[in-house]
Amino acid sequence: MNMYKLILSLFFVFIGFSSVNFVYGQTTRNVVVEHFTNTRCGICANRNPGLFTNLESSKEVMHLSIHPSRPYSNCVLNNHNTSENDARTNYYNIYGSTPRVVVQGEVKSVGEDFSSKSLFSSALNQTTPIELSLNTIKKGDDSLVVDVIVKTTEAHSLSDLNLFVVAAEDTVFYDAPNGEKQHYDVFRKVLLNQAITLSSTDGDSTIYRVSVANHSDWDASRMFAMAMVQNSNDKKIEQVESSKGDADVITVSTKNVTQKFSKIYPNPFKEVLTIQTNNADNYVVEIFDVTGTLIKTKTFQNSTAINTKSFTKGVYIFSISNGESVQVERLIKN
């Protein structure tokens, strides 16, 4: 397999079929528990195992651990990023004691039984008009880069939404003073925290690219992103998704994959796409659907406009090559 074919193959494995939904309608709402704990908290060490056992038998529930500075300000995992750990704790107005859990934006009581199946039951089997997809572009020693795709799957009246995206580490091996030796899904850094407007038209999508340079304290191979669309008024989480488990996408030398020798716009697109390049080389653009089927080829110099009126709604892969370098982009037809 030549380098060009290898790059395309990697890209198709990367996007997967699960990121595309051509049948619009209500989507299953994923569930997340935000777990506020502290590495010097003995009560946490006693109660956390019940939560982890509960999560082990509730695979549909995602987990994110956050380490506030109270009751112990010298918690190592808090000190790594004190301001943002504390900010999320204050967001729910629970700063002051650990452990605490927040399920789908709902704060649970101080004495909540972490091992009880009822901890998650009210949040399960719900639907939402929002689909979230996270596609890892880069995951390696130097950085984590993820595309967050927010898609409307049904007409709705949702407003006052916020997109909260974080970088986390799936396991931190640290022999803590409270006796815990492994710490799971540890929040490391906020990547995006902004108000968004969700289109009311089914099938419409917006892509947000987030990135972070890996810190020397992080195990780059264990880093992932988690995204939450949250109601700013009642803090209810409308949808959540995680890139946990995503593998590296670009495994070849960056000399063979040039990221910016051409510009393709708009994305999402409707009836016409424009491609602009940096020079007058001869270029070939190939357009594939998500099954890998080639649906259009065009040669050009400098720039070209592509009529996409006949394309159905969905995800398409654009491969642009001048014979030496290949640029691969994922675009969405609305």
Protein backbone atom coordinates (compact mmCIF):
# COMPACT_ATOMS: atom_id res chain seq x y z
CA MET A 1 0.00 0.00 0.00
CA ASN A 2 1.57 3.35 -0.99
CA MET A 3 1.72 6.34 1.36
CA TYR A 4 -1.29 8.03 -0.27
CA LYS A 5 -3.48 4.93 0.18
CA LEU A 6 -2.19 4.50 3.74
CA ILE A 7 -3.18 8.03 4.71
CA LEU A 8 -6.68 7.58 3.29
CA SER A 9 -7.07 4.21 4.98
CA LEU A 10 -6.09 5.67 8.32
CA PHE A 11 -8.52 8.53 7.82
CA PHE A 12 -11.46 6.24 7.05
CA VAL A 13 -10.67 4.09 10.09
CA PHE A 14 -10.52 7.30 12.10
CA ILE A 15 -13.92 8.70 11.19
CA GLY A 16 -15.77 5.38 11.56
CA PHE A 17 -19.39 4.83 10.68
CA SER A 18 -20.67 5.68 14.15
CA SER A 19 -20.05 9.40 13.60
CA VAL A 20 -22.68 9.60 10.88
CA ASN A 21 -26.40 9.48 11.34
CA PHE A 22 -28.51 9.82 8.24
CA VAL A 23 -31.79 9.07 10.03
CA TYR A 24 -32.59 12.13 12.07
CA GLY A 25 -34.73 12.22 15.20
CA GLN A 26 -34.30 12.05 18.94
CA THR A 27 -30.89 10.73 19.99
CA THR A 28 -30.06 8.76 23.13
CA ARG A 29 -28.75 11.15 25.77
CA ASN A 30 -25.44 9.94 27.15
CA VAL A 31 -24.85 10.21 30.89
CA VAL A 32 -21.88 11.56 32.84
CA VAL A 33 -21.02 11.64 36.54
CA GLU A 34 -18.69 14.42 37.61
CA HIS A 35 -16.85 13.14 40.64
CA PHE A 36 -15.34 15.64 43.10
CA THR A 37 -12.62 14.02 45.17
CA ASN A 38 -9.26 14.75 46.82
CA THR A 39 -6.08 12.68 47.13
CA ARG A 40 -5.70 13.55 50.84
CA CYS A 41 -9.30 12.79 51.75
CA GLY A 42 -9.64 9.57 53.74
CA ILE A 43 -13.43 9.53 53.34
CA CYS A 44 -12.90 9.66 49.57
CA ALA A 45 -10.68 6.57 49.73
CA ASN A 46 -13.45 4.73 51.61
CA ARG A 47 -16.36 5.78 49.39
CA ASN A 48 -14.81 6.02 45.92
CA PRO A 49 -14.50 2.23 45.38
CA GLY A 50 -18.29 1.95 45.56
CA LEU A 51 -18.61 4.49 42.75
CA PHE A 52 -16.06 2.70 40.57
CA THR A 53 -17.80 -0.65 41.08
CA ASN A 54 -21.09 1.01 40.13
CA LEU A 55 -19.52 2.51 37.01
CA GLU A 56 -18.01 -0.83 36.04
CA SER A 57 -21.49 -2.31 35.76
CA SER A 58 -22.91 0.85 34.16
CA LYS A 59 -20.82 1.10 31.00
CA GLU A 60 -23.17 3.67 29.50
CA VAL A 61 -22.20 6.22 32.18
CA MET A 62 -19.09 8.36 31.61
CA HIS A 63 -16.89 9.58 34.44
CA LEU A 64 -14.77 12.66 35.08
CA SER A 65 -12.92 13.25 38.35
CA ILE A 66 -12.26 16.78 39.56
CA HIS A 67 -10.00 17.68 42.49
CA PRO A 68 -10.97 20.83 44.41
CA SER A 69 -8.60 22.46 46.91
CA ARG A 70 -10.94 21.99 49.87
CA PRO A 71 -10.79 20.32 52.26
CA TYR A 72 -7.10 19.74 51.42
CA SER A 73 -5.28 22.42 49.45
CA ASN A 74 -2.09 20.36 49.03
CA CYS A 75 -3.74 17.70 46.85
CA VAL A 76 -1.26 17.06 44.03
CA LEU A 77 -3.96 16.68 41.36
CA ASN A 78 -5.55 19.94 42.44
CA ASN A 79 -2.24 21.78 42.48
CA HIS A 80 -1.65 20.85 38.85
CA ASN A 81 -4.52 23.19 37.86
CA THR A 82 -6.06 24.70 40.99
CA SER A 83 -8.08 27.48 39.37
CA GLU A 84 -9.99 25.29 36.91
CA ASN A 85 -10.57 22.41 39.35
CA ASP A 86 -12.00 24.89 41.84
CA ALA A 87 -14.00 26.74 39.17
CA ARG A 88 -15.93 23.61 38.20
CA THR A 89 -16.60 22.85 41.87
CA ASN A 90 -17.86 26.39 42.45
CA TYR A 91 -20.00 26.16 39.31
CA TYR A 92 -22.13 23.58 41.13
CA ASN A 93 -21.80 25.44 44.46
CA ILE A 94 -20.35 22.40 46.25
CA TYR A 95 -16.92 23.76 47.17
CA GLY A 96 -15.90 22.74 50.68
CA SER A 97 -16.18 18.98 51.09
CA THR A 98 -15.38 15.77 49.25
CA PRO A 99 -16.38 13.34 47.92
CA ARG A 100 -19.39 14.63 45.98
CA VAL A 101 -20.99 13.58 42.70
CA VAL A 102 -22.99 15.47 40.10
CA VAL A 103 -24.96 13.29 37.67
CA GLN A 104 -26.00 14.88 34.38
CA GLY A 105 -25.66 18.31 35.98
CA GLU A 106 -27.75 17.37 39.03
CA VAL A 107 -25.95 17.75 42.37
CA LYS A 108 -26.39 14.71 44.61
CA SER A 109 -26.56 14.96 48.39
CA VAL A 110 -23.49 14.76 50.65
CA GLY A 111 -24.43 11.30 51.92
CA GLU A 112 -25.44 9.82 48.55
CA ASP A 113 -24.77 6.08 48.27
CA PHE A 114 -22.15 5.85 45.52
CA SER A 115 -22.69 2.13 45.06
CA SER A 116 -26.47 2.36 44.55
CA LYS A 117 -27.85 1.71 41.06
CA SER A 118 -30.34 4.51 41.72
CA LEU A 119 -27.44 6.98 41.51
CA PHE A 120 -27.76 7.01 37.72
CA SER A 121 -31.25 5.64 37.15
CA SER A 122 -33.10 8.94 36.72
CA ALA A 123 -30.66 10.04 34.00
CA LEU A 124 -30.73 6.84 31.95
CA ASN A 125 -32.95 6.09 28.94
CA GLN A 126 -33.49 9.75 28.06
CA THR A 127 -33.41 11.35 24.61
CA THR A 128 -32.19 14.66 23.23
CA PRO A 129 -32.17 16.48 19.87
CA ILE A 130 -28.37 16.77 20.08
CA GLU A 131 -25.73 14.38 18.78
CA LEU A 132 -22.11 14.85 19.81
CA SER A 133 -19.17 13.26 18.01
CA LEU A 134 -15.52 13.59 19.00
CA ASN A 135 -12.88 12.74 16.43
CA THR A 136 -9.25 12.60 17.52
CA ILE A 137 -6.94 14.15 14.96
CA LYS A 138 -3.74 14.09 16.96
CA LYS A 139 -2.90 12.20 20.13
CA GLY A 140 0.78 11.89 20.87
CA ASP A 141 3.76 13.15 22.80
CA ASP A 142 3.34 16.80 21.85
CA SER A 143 -0.39 17.54 21.66
CA LEU A 144 -4.00 16.44 21.72
CA VAL A 145 -6.23 17.74 18.91
CA VAL A 146 -9.91 16.82 18.71
CA ASP A 147 -12.81 17.88 16.49
CA VAL A 148 -16.09 18.26 18.41
CA ILE A 149 -19.10 17.95 16.09
CA VAL A 150 -22.41 19.21 17.47
CA LYS A 151 -25.35 18.08 15.34
CA THR A 152 -29.08 18.76 15.54
CA THR A 153 -31.10 15.58 15.05
CA GLU A 154 -34.57 17.04 15.49
CA ALA A 155 -36.26 20.44 15.54
CA HIS A 156 -36.22 21.84 19.08
CA SER A 157 -36.63 24.93 21.25
CA LEU A 158 -33.44 24.59 23.29
CA SER A 159 -31.63 27.82 24.12
CA ASP A 160 -29.01 29.16 26.55
CA LEU A 161 -26.64 26.29 25.84
CA ASN A 162 -22.96 26.11 26.70
CA LEU A 163 -20.27 23.85 25.24
CA PHE A 164 -17.77 22.70 27.86
CA VAL A 165 -14.78 20.68 26.59
CA VAL A 166 -11.94 19.39 28.76
CA ALA A 167 -8.77 17.35 28.47
CA ALA A 168 -8.49 14.44 30.91
CA GLU A 169 -6.15 11.54 31.64
CA ASP A 170 -7.78 8.11 31.86
CA THR A 171 -5.51 6.81 34.66
CA VAL A 172 -3.00 8.62 36.84
CA PHE A 173 -0.73 6.32 38.83
CA TYR A 174 0.04 8.18 42.04
CA ASP A 175 0.45 6.73 45.52
CA ALA A 176 -1.71 9.29 47.31
CA PRO A 177 -1.63 10.07 51.05
CA ASN A 178 -5.19 8.73 51.41
CA GLY A 179 -4.09 5.31 50.12
CA GLU A 180 -5.50 5.53 46.58
CA LYS A 181 -2.91 4.43 44.04
CA GLN A 182 -4.86 4.84 40.80
CA HIS A 183 -6.96 7.87 39.90
CA TYR A 184 -9.39 7.59 37.01
CA ASP A 185 -10.47 10.05 34.29
CA VAL A 186 -8.62 12.92 35.90
CA PHE A 187 -9.55 16.40 34.70
CA ARG A 188 -6.48 18.26 33.49
CA LYS A 189 -7.49 21.38 31.54
CA VAL A 190 -10.45 23.25 30.05
CA LEU A 191 -10.19 23.37 26.25
CA LEU A 192 -13.40 25.27 25.49
CA ASN A 193 -16.11 26.87 27.60
CA GLN A 194 -18.46 29.02 25.54
CA ALA A 195 -22.09 29.75 24.80
CA ILE A 196 -23.36 28.14 21.60
CA THR A 197 -26.48 28.44 19.48
CA LEU A 198 -27.82 25.10 18.33
CA SER A 199 -29.47 25.13 14.92
CA SER A 200 -33.14 24.15 15.01
CA THR A 201 -32.85 22.43 11.61
CA ASP A 202 -32.35 18.67 11.76
CA GLY A 203 -29.07 17.53 10.25
CA ASP A 204 -27.25 20.84 10.75
CA SER A 205 -23.78 20.50 12.30
CA THR A 206 -21.09 22.74 13.70
CA ILE A 207 -17.48 21.67 14.21
CA TYR A 208 -15.26 23.02 16.98
CA ARG A 209 -11.58 22.11 16.89
CA VAL A 210 -9.90 22.04 20.30
CA SER A 211 -6.26 21.40 21.12
CA VAL A 212 -3.80 21.42 23.96
CA ALA A 213 -0.05 20.95 24.23
CA ASN A 214 0.70 17.95 26.41
CA HIS A 215 2.18 18.77 29.80
CA SER A 216 5.27 16.95 31.01
CA ASP A 217 3.22 15.54 33.93
CA TRP A 218 0.70 13.88 31.60
CA ASP A 219 0.92 10.48 29.97
CA ALA A 220 0.16 11.55 26.39
CA SER A 221 -1.08 8.08 25.43
CA ARG A 222 -3.79 8.30 28.11
CA MET A 223 -5.14 11.74 27.27
CA PHE A 224 -8.66 12.20 25.93
CA ALA A 225 -11.26 14.93 25.52
CA MET A 226 -14.77 15.10 26.97
CA ALA A 227 -17.44 17.49 25.70
CA MET A 228 -20.71 18.48 27.37
CA VAL A 229 -23.56 20.57 25.98
CA GLN A 230 -25.09 22.06 29.11
CA ASN A 231 -28.08 24.29 29.83
CA SER A 232 -26.76 27.51 31.34
CA ASN A 233 -29.87 28.05 33.45
CA ASP A 234 -30.50 24.77 35.27
CA LYS A 235 -27.07 23.18 34.52
CA LYS A 236 -28.75 20.12 33.00
CA ILE A 237 -26.43 18.32 30.59
CA GLU A 238 -28.24 17.85 27.29
CA GLN A 239 -25.53 15.67 25.75
CA VAL A 240 -22.03 14.42 26.56
CA GLU A 241 -19.40 12.52 24.61
CA SER A 242 -15.83 11.38 25.16
CA SER A 243 -12.88 10.52 22.93
CA LYS A 244 -11.59 8.07 25.52
CA GLY A 245 -10.17 5.06 23.71
CA ASP A 246 -9.47 6.87 20.41
CA ALA A 247 -6.15 5.85 18.89
CA ASP A 248 -3.62 7.98 17.01
CA VAL A 249 -4.74 8.97 13.53
CA ILE A 250 -1.60 10.38 11.94
CA THR A 251 1.04 7.69 12.28
CA VAL A 252 3.17 8.74 9.29
CA SER A 253 5.69 11.55 9.07
CA THR A 254 4.15 15.01 8.92
CA LYS A 255 6.26 15.63 5.80
CA ASN A 256 3.78 13.43 3.96
CA VAL A 257 0.64 15.12 5.29
CA THR A 258 0.60 18.88 4.79
CA GLN A 259 -2.17 20.42 6.82
CA LYS A 260 -2.49 23.88 5.22
CA PHE A 261 -1.48 23.94 1.57
CA SER A 262 -5.12 24.46 0.61
CA LYS A 263 -8.24 26.00 2.05
CA ILE A 264 -11.66 24.33 1.64
CA TYR A 265 -14.80 26.24 2.53
CA PRO A 266 -17.49 26.51 3.75
CA ASN A 267 -17.85 23.70 6.28
CA PRO A 268 -20.60 22.62 6.66
CA PHE A 269 -21.37 23.16 2.96
CA LYS A 270 -24.56 23.20 0.93
CA GLU A 271 -24.45 23.57 -2.87
CA VAL A 272 -20.94 24.85 -3.67
CA LEU A 273 -17.50 24.25 -2.19
CA THR A 274 -14.40 26.30 -2.95
CA ILE A 275 -10.82 25.03 -2.80
CA GLN A 276 -7.93 27.51 -2.82
CA THR A 277 -4.25 26.52 -2.86
CA ASN A 278 -0.99 28.38 -2.28
CA ASN A 279 0.51 27.95 -5.73
CA ALA A 280 -0.12 26.97 -9.36
CA ASP A 281 0.77 23.27 -9.06
CA ASN A 282 -1.47 20.69 -10.67
CA TYR A 283 -3.84 19.32 -8.06
CA VAL A 284 -6.28 16.46 -7.89
CA VAL A 285 -9.19 16.45 -5.50
CA GLU A 286 -10.97 13.18 -4.78
CA ILE A 287 -14.21 13.09 -2.82
CA PHE A 288 -15.29 9.97 -0.92
CA ASP A 289 -18.39 9.14 1.07
CA VAL A 290 -17.99 7.53 4.50
CA THR A 291 -17.98 4.02 3.07
CA GLY A 292 -14.81 4.89 1.14
CA THR A 293 -16.57 5.03 -2.23
CA LEU A 294 -15.07 7.57 -4.65
CA ILE A 295 -17.91 9.80 -5.84
CA LYS A 296 -16.11 12.67 -7.62
CA THR A 297 -12.67 13.56 -9.01
CA LYS A 298 -11.45 16.88 -10.35
CA THR A 299 -8.11 18.33 -11.46
CA PHE A 300 -7.33 22.03 -11.08
CA GLN A 301 -4.71 24.73 -10.51
CA ASN A 302 -4.82 27.52 -7.92
CA SER A 303 -8.51 27.24 -7.09
CA THR A 304 -11.73 25.55 -8.07
CA ALA A 305 -15.43 25.57 -7.26
CA ILE A 306 -17.18 22.22 -6.84
CA ASN A 307 -20.91 21.83 -7.39
CA THR A 308 -22.23 19.77 -4.48
CA LYS A 309 -25.94 20.30 -5.05
CA SER A 310 -26.49 16.61 -5.81
CA PHE A 311 -24.71 15.43 -2.63
CA THR A 312 -26.97 14.01 0.06
CA LYS A 313 -26.67 15.17 3.68
CA GLY A 314 -23.81 13.57 5.52
CA VAL A 315 -20.04 13.39 5.93
CA TYR A 316 -17.56 13.43 3.04
CA ILE A 317 -13.79 12.99 2.85
CA PHE A 318 -11.82 15.35 0.59
CA SER A 319 -8.34 14.30 -0.45
CA ILE A 320 -6.22 16.91 -2.26
CA SER A 321 -2.84 15.98 -3.71
CA ASN A 322 -0.15 17.56 -5.88
CA GLY A 323 1.66 14.23 -6.28
CA GLU A 324 3.97 14.81 -3.33
CA SER A 325 1.78 15.88 -0.43
CA VAL A 326 -1.73 14.89 0.56
CA GLN A 327 -4.23 16.93 2.53
CA VAL A 328 -7.26 15.07 3.89
CA GLU A 329 -10.27 16.91 5.26
CA ARG A 330 -13.60 15.82 6.73
CA LEU A 331 -16.53 18.02 5.66
CA ILE A 332 -20.28 17.89 6.26
CA LYS A 333 -23.11 18.50 3.79
CA ASN A 334 -26.14 20.17 5.36
